[in-house]
């Protein structure tokens, strides 16, 4: 997963890319208040529990 995301030249940090890859590999939902970078990966389900 990581290599696939890396090959797409998504401009986010290495650690965020690894987190996204792990989340996708486990078919999980990423819970974060930092949606800024993760929204660049369309197939990544993201939830922000801090949002009103």
PDB file of N, CA and C in Angstrom:
ATOM      1  N   UNK A   1       0.826  -1.195   0.000  1.00  0.00           N
ATOM      2  CA  UNK A   1       0.000   0.000   0.000  1.00  0.00           C
ATOM      3  C   UNK A   1       0.864   1.250   0.000  1.00  0.00           C
ATOM      4  N   UNK A   2       1.878   1.244   0.838  1.00  0.00           N
ATOM      5  CA  UNK A   2       2.734   2.420   0.953  1.00  0.00           C
ATOM      6  C   UNK A   2       3.413   2.735  -0.377  1.00  0.00           C
ATOM      7  N   UNK A   3       3.977   1.727  -1.016  1.00  0.00           N
ATOM      8  CA  UNK A   3       4.652   1.938  -2.290  1.00  0.00           C
ATOM      9  C   UNK A   3       3.686   2.463  -3.350  1.00  0.00           C
ATOM     10  N   UNK A   4       2.459   1.970  -3.324  1.00  0.00           N
ATOM     11  CA  UNK A   4       1.454   2.450  -4.266  1.00  0.00           C
ATOM     12  C   UNK A   4       1.134   3.920  -4.060  1.00  0.00           C
ATOM     13  N   UNK A   5       0.982   4.327  -2.803  1.00  0.00           N
ATOM     14  CA  UNK A   5       0.715   5.735  -2.506  1.00  0.00           C
ATOM     15  C   UNK A   5       1.929   6.598  -2.841  1.00  0.00           C
ATOM     16  N   UNK A   6       3.098   6.073  -2.552  1.00  0.00           N
ATOM     17  CA  UNK A   6       4.324   6.805  -2.837  1.00  0.00           C
ATOM     18  C   UNK A   6       4.459   7.043  -4.345  1.00  0.00           C
ATOM     19  N   UNK A   7       4.108   6.057  -5.136  1.00  0.00           N
ATOM     20  CA  UNK A   7       4.188   6.181  -6.586  1.00  0.00           C
ATOM     21  C   UNK A   7       3.218   7.186  -7.168  1.00  0.00           C
ATOM     22  N   UNK A   8       2.166   7.500  -6.420  1.00  0.00           N
ATOM     23  CA  UNK A   8       1.179   8.479  -6.894  1.00  0.00           C
ATOM     24  C   UNK A   8       1.622   9.915  -6.646  1.00  0.00           C
ATOM     25  N   UNK A   9       2.785  10.085  -6.003  1.00  0.00           N
ATOM     26  CA  UNK A   9       3.354  11.419  -5.750  1.00  0.00           C
ATOM     27  C   UNK A   9       2.406  12.322  -4.962  1.00  0.00           C
ATOM     28  N   UNK A  10       1.732  11.737  -3.967  1.00  0.00           N
ATOM     29  CA  UNK A  10       0.851  12.518  -3.101  1.00  0.00           C
ATOM     30  C   UNK A  10       1.737  13.354  -2.180  1.00  0.00           C
ATOM     31  N   UNK A  11       1.488  14.633  -2.131  1.00  0.00           N
ATOM     32  CA  UNK A  11       2.368  15.543  -1.414  1.00  0.00           C
ATOM     33  C   UNK A  11       1.959  15.702   0.051  1.00  0.00           C
ATOM     34  N   UNK A  12       2.218  14.649   0.819  1.00  0.00           N
ATOM     35  CA  UNK A  12       2.048  14.714   2.267  1.00  0.00           C
ATOM     36  C   UNK A  12       3.302  14.118   2.898  1.00  0.00           C
ATOM     37  N   UNK A  13       3.460  14.298   4.181  1.00  0.00           N
ATOM     38  CA  UNK A  13       4.636  13.793   4.872  1.00  0.00           C
ATOM     39  C   UNK A  13       4.727  12.275   4.851  1.00  0.00           C
ATOM     40  N   UNK A  14       5.946  11.791   4.998  1.00  0.00           N
ATOM     41  CA  UNK A  14       6.204  10.355   4.962  1.00  0.00           C
ATOM     42  C   UNK A  14       5.412   9.611   6.024  1.00  0.00           C
ATOM     43  N   UNK A  15       5.387  10.139   7.228  1.00  0.00           N
ATOM     44  CA  UNK A  15       4.679   9.441   8.309  1.00  0.00           C
ATOM     45  C   UNK A  15       3.172   9.428   8.064  1.00  0.00           C
ATOM     46  N   UNK A  16       2.624  10.535   7.565  1.00  0.00           N
ATOM     47  CA  UNK A  16       1.198  10.565   7.247  1.00  0.00           C
ATOM     48  C   UNK A  16       0.878   9.581   6.129  1.00  0.00           C
ATOM     49  N   UNK A  17       1.777   9.450   5.162  1.00  0.00           N
ATOM     50  CA  UNK A  17       1.581   8.502   4.069  1.00  0.00           C
ATOM     51  C   UNK A  17       1.603   7.067   4.597  1.00  0.00           C
ATOM     52  N   UNK A  18       2.477   6.798   5.545  1.00  0.00           N
ATOM     53  CA  UNK A  18       2.530   5.463   6.157  1.00  0.00           C
ATOM     54  C   UNK A  18       1.250   5.180   6.944  1.00  0.00           C
ATOM     55  N   UNK A  19       0.774   6.170   7.675  1.00  0.00           N
ATOM     56  CA  UNK A  19      -0.475   6.007   8.436  1.00  0.00           C
ATOM     57  C   UNK A  19      -1.627   5.710   7.481  1.00  0.00           C
ATOM     58  N   UNK A  20      -1.688   6.436   6.382  1.00  0.00           N
ATOM     59  CA  UNK A  20      -2.742   6.208   5.390  1.00  0.00           C
ATOM     60  C   UNK A  20      -2.638   4.809   4.803  1.00  0.00           C
ATOM     61  N   UNK A  21      -1.434   4.364   4.494  1.00  0.00           N
ATOM     62  CA  UNK A  21      -1.232   3.038   3.914  1.00  0.00           C
ATOM     63  C   UNK A  21      -1.667   1.940   4.879  1.00  0.00           C
ATOM     64  N   UNK A  22      -1.327   2.082   6.138  1.00  0.00           N
ATOM     65  CA  UNK A  22      -1.727   1.093   7.146  1.00  0.00           C
ATOM     66  C   UNK A  22      -3.239   1.065   7.287  1.00  0.00           C
ATOM     67  N   UNK A  23      -3.855   2.236   7.302  1.00  0.00           N
ATOM     68  CA  UNK A  23      -5.314   2.323   7.409  1.00  0.00           C
ATOM     69  C   UNK A  23      -5.981   1.647   6.228  1.00  0.00           C
ATOM     70  N   UNK A  24      -5.488   1.902   5.029  1.00  0.00           N
ATOM     71  CA  UNK A  24      -6.059   1.278   3.831  1.00  0.00           C
ATOM     72  C   UNK A  24      -5.836  -0.229   3.826  1.00  0.00           C
ATOM     73  N   UNK A  25      -4.661  -0.667   4.246  1.00  0.00           N
ATOM     74  CA  UNK A  25      -4.344  -2.099   4.262  1.00  0.00           C
ATOM     75  C   UNK A  25      -5.277  -2.871   5.191  1.00  0.00           C
ATOM     76  N   UNK A  26      -5.691  -2.234   6.268  1.00  0.00           N
ATOM     77  CA  UNK A  26      -6.575  -2.883   7.236  1.00  0.00           C
ATOM     78  C   UNK A  26      -8.051  -2.599   6.964  1.00  0.00           C
ATOM     79  N   UNK A  27      -8.300  -1.875   5.874  1.00  0.00           N
ATOM     80  CA  UNK A  27      -9.674  -1.486   5.514  1.00  0.00           C
ATOM     81  C   UNK A  27     -10.379  -0.835   6.697  1.00  0.00           C
ATOM     82  N   UNK A  28      -9.662   0.083   7.329  1.00  0.00           N
ATOM     83  CA  UNK A  28     -10.147   0.767   8.524  1.00  0.00           C
ATOM     84  C   UNK A  28     -10.503   2.216   8.184  1.00  0.00           C
ATOM     85  N   UNK A  29     -11.005   2.915   9.181  1.00  0.00           N
ATOM     86  CA  UNK A  29     -11.290   4.340   9.069  1.00  0.00           C
ATOM     87  C   UNK A  29     -10.279   5.088   9.919  1.00  0.00           C
ATOM     88  N   UNK A  30      -9.684   6.110   9.350  1.00  0.00           N
ATOM     89  CA  UNK A  30      -8.706   6.919  10.063  1.00  0.00           C
ATOM     90  C   UNK A  30      -9.431   7.976  10.884  1.00  0.00           C
ATOM     91  N   UNK A  31      -9.162   8.000  12.183  1.00  0.00           N
ATOM     92  CA  UNK A  31      -9.731   8.999  13.084  1.00  0.00           C
ATOM     93  C   UNK A  31      -8.636  10.027  13.349  1.00  0.00           C
ATOM     94  N   UNK A  32      -8.862  11.268  12.922  1.00  0.00           N
ATOM     95  CA  UNK A  32      -7.858  12.312  13.081  1.00  0.00           C
ATOM     96  C   UNK A  32      -8.514  13.686  13.079  1.00  0.00           C
ATOM     97  N   UNK A  33      -7.853  14.637  13.700  1.00  0.00           N
ATOM     98  CA  UNK A  33      -8.312  16.018  13.596  1.00  0.00           C
ATOM     99  C   UNK A  33      -7.507  16.759  12.531  1.00  0.00           C
ATOM    100  N   UNK A  34      -6.592  16.041  11.872  1.00  0.00           N
ATOM    101  CA  UNK A  34      -5.760  16.616  10.815  1.00  0.00           C
ATOM    102  C   UNK A  34      -6.236  16.112   9.454  1.00  0.00           C
ATOM    103  N   UNK A  35      -7.340  16.633   8.991  1.00  0.00           N
ATOM    104  CA  UNK A  35      -7.876  16.216   7.694  1.00  0.00           C
ATOM    105  C   UNK A  35      -7.144  16.893   6.544  1.00  0.00           C
ATOM    106  N   UNK A  36      -6.343  17.897   6.853  1.00  0.00           N
ATOM    107  CA  UNK A  36      -5.689  18.720   5.838  1.00  0.00           C
ATOM    108  C   UNK A  36      -4.929  17.894   4.808  1.00  0.00           C
ATOM    109  N   UNK A  37      -4.142  16.921   5.248  1.00  0.00           N
ATOM    110  CA  UNK A  37      -3.361  16.122   4.320  1.00  0.00           C
ATOM    111  C   UNK A  37      -4.112  14.891   3.835  1.00  0.00           C
ATOM    112  N   UNK A  38      -4.852  14.268   4.707  1.00  0.00           N
ATOM    113  CA  UNK A  38      -5.450  12.986   4.372  1.00  0.00           C
ATOM    114  C   UNK A  38      -6.569  13.097   3.345  1.00  0.00           C
ATOM    115  N   UNK A  39      -7.141  14.276   3.157  1.00  0.00           N
ATOM    116  CA  UNK A  39      -8.202  14.415   2.156  1.00  0.00           C
ATOM    117  C   UNK A  39      -7.657  14.251   0.735  1.00  0.00           C
ATOM    118  N   UNK A  40      -6.341  14.280   0.572  1.00  0.00           N
ATOM    119  CA  UNK A  40      -5.726  14.108  -0.744  1.00  0.00           C
ATOM    120  C   UNK A  40      -5.803  12.659  -1.242  1.00  0.00           C
ATOM    121  N   UNK A  41      -6.138  11.742  -0.350  1.00  0.00           N
ATOM    122  CA  UNK A  41      -6.260  10.327  -0.712  1.00  0.00           C
ATOM    123  C   UNK A  41      -7.750  10.000  -0.730  1.00  0.00           C
ATOM    124  N   UNK A  42      -8.339  10.028  -1.909  1.00  0.00           N
ATOM    125  CA  UNK A  42      -9.791   9.947  -2.064  1.00  0.00           C
ATOM    126  C   UNK A  42     -10.385   8.675  -1.462  1.00  0.00           C
ATOM    127  N   UNK A  43      -9.702   7.562  -1.584  1.00  0.00           N
ATOM    128  CA  UNK A  43     -10.268   6.293  -1.121  1.00  0.00           C
ATOM    129  C   UNK A  43     -10.078   6.041   0.377  1.00  0.00           C
ATOM    130  N   UNK A  44      -9.458   6.977   1.078  1.00  0.00           N
ATOM    131  CA  UNK A  44      -9.192   6.828   2.505  1.00  0.00           C
ATOM    132  C   UNK A  44     -10.370   7.356   3.324  1.00  0.00           C
ATOM    133  N   UNK A  45     -11.054   6.472   4.055  1.00  0.00           N
ATOM    134  CA  UNK A  45     -12.138   6.959   4.910  1.00  0.00           C
ATOM    135  C   UNK A  45     -11.570   7.672   6.140  1.00  0.00           C
ATOM    136  N   UNK A  46     -11.990   8.906   6.341  1.00  0.00           N
ATOM    137  CA  UNK A  46     -11.461   9.732   7.430  1.00  0.00           C
ATOM    138  C   UNK A  46     -12.626  10.299   8.229  1.00  0.00           C
ATOM    139  N   UNK A  47     -12.490  10.251   9.551  1.00  0.00           N
ATOM    140  CA  UNK A  47     -13.466  10.877  10.447  1.00  0.00           C
ATOM    141  C   UNK A  47     -12.741  11.778  11.424  1.00  0.00           C
ATOM    142  N   UNK A  48     -13.379  12.880  11.758  1.00  0.00           N
ATOM    143  CA  UNK A  48     -12.864  13.828  12.746  1.00  0.00           C
ATOM    144  C   UNK A  48     -13.858  13.880  13.881  1.00  0.00           C
ATOM    145  N   UNK A  49     -13.509  13.277  15.015  1.00  0.00           N
ATOM    146  CA  UNK A  49     -14.433  13.242  16.149  1.00  0.00           C
ATOM    147  C   UNK A  49     -14.457  14.569  16.899  1.00  0.00           C
ATOM    148  N   UNK A  50     -13.571  15.483  16.571  1.00  0.00           N
ATOM    149  CA  UNK A  50     -13.557  16.802  17.199  1.00  0.00           C
ATOM    150  C   UNK A  50     -14.446  17.794  16.494  1.00  0.00           C
ATOM    151  N   UNK A  51     -14.899  17.461  15.300  1.00  0.00           N
ATOM    152  CA  UNK A  51     -15.744  18.376  14.526  1.00  0.00           C
ATOM    153  C   UNK A  51     -17.120  18.496  15.186  1.00  0.00           C
ATOM    154  N   UNK A  52     -17.699  19.691  15.135  1.00  0.00           N
ATOM    155  CA  UNK A  52     -19.016  19.877  15.763  1.00  0.00           C
ATOM    156  C   UNK A  52     -20.126  19.172  15.004  1.00  0.00           C
TER     157      UNK A  52
END
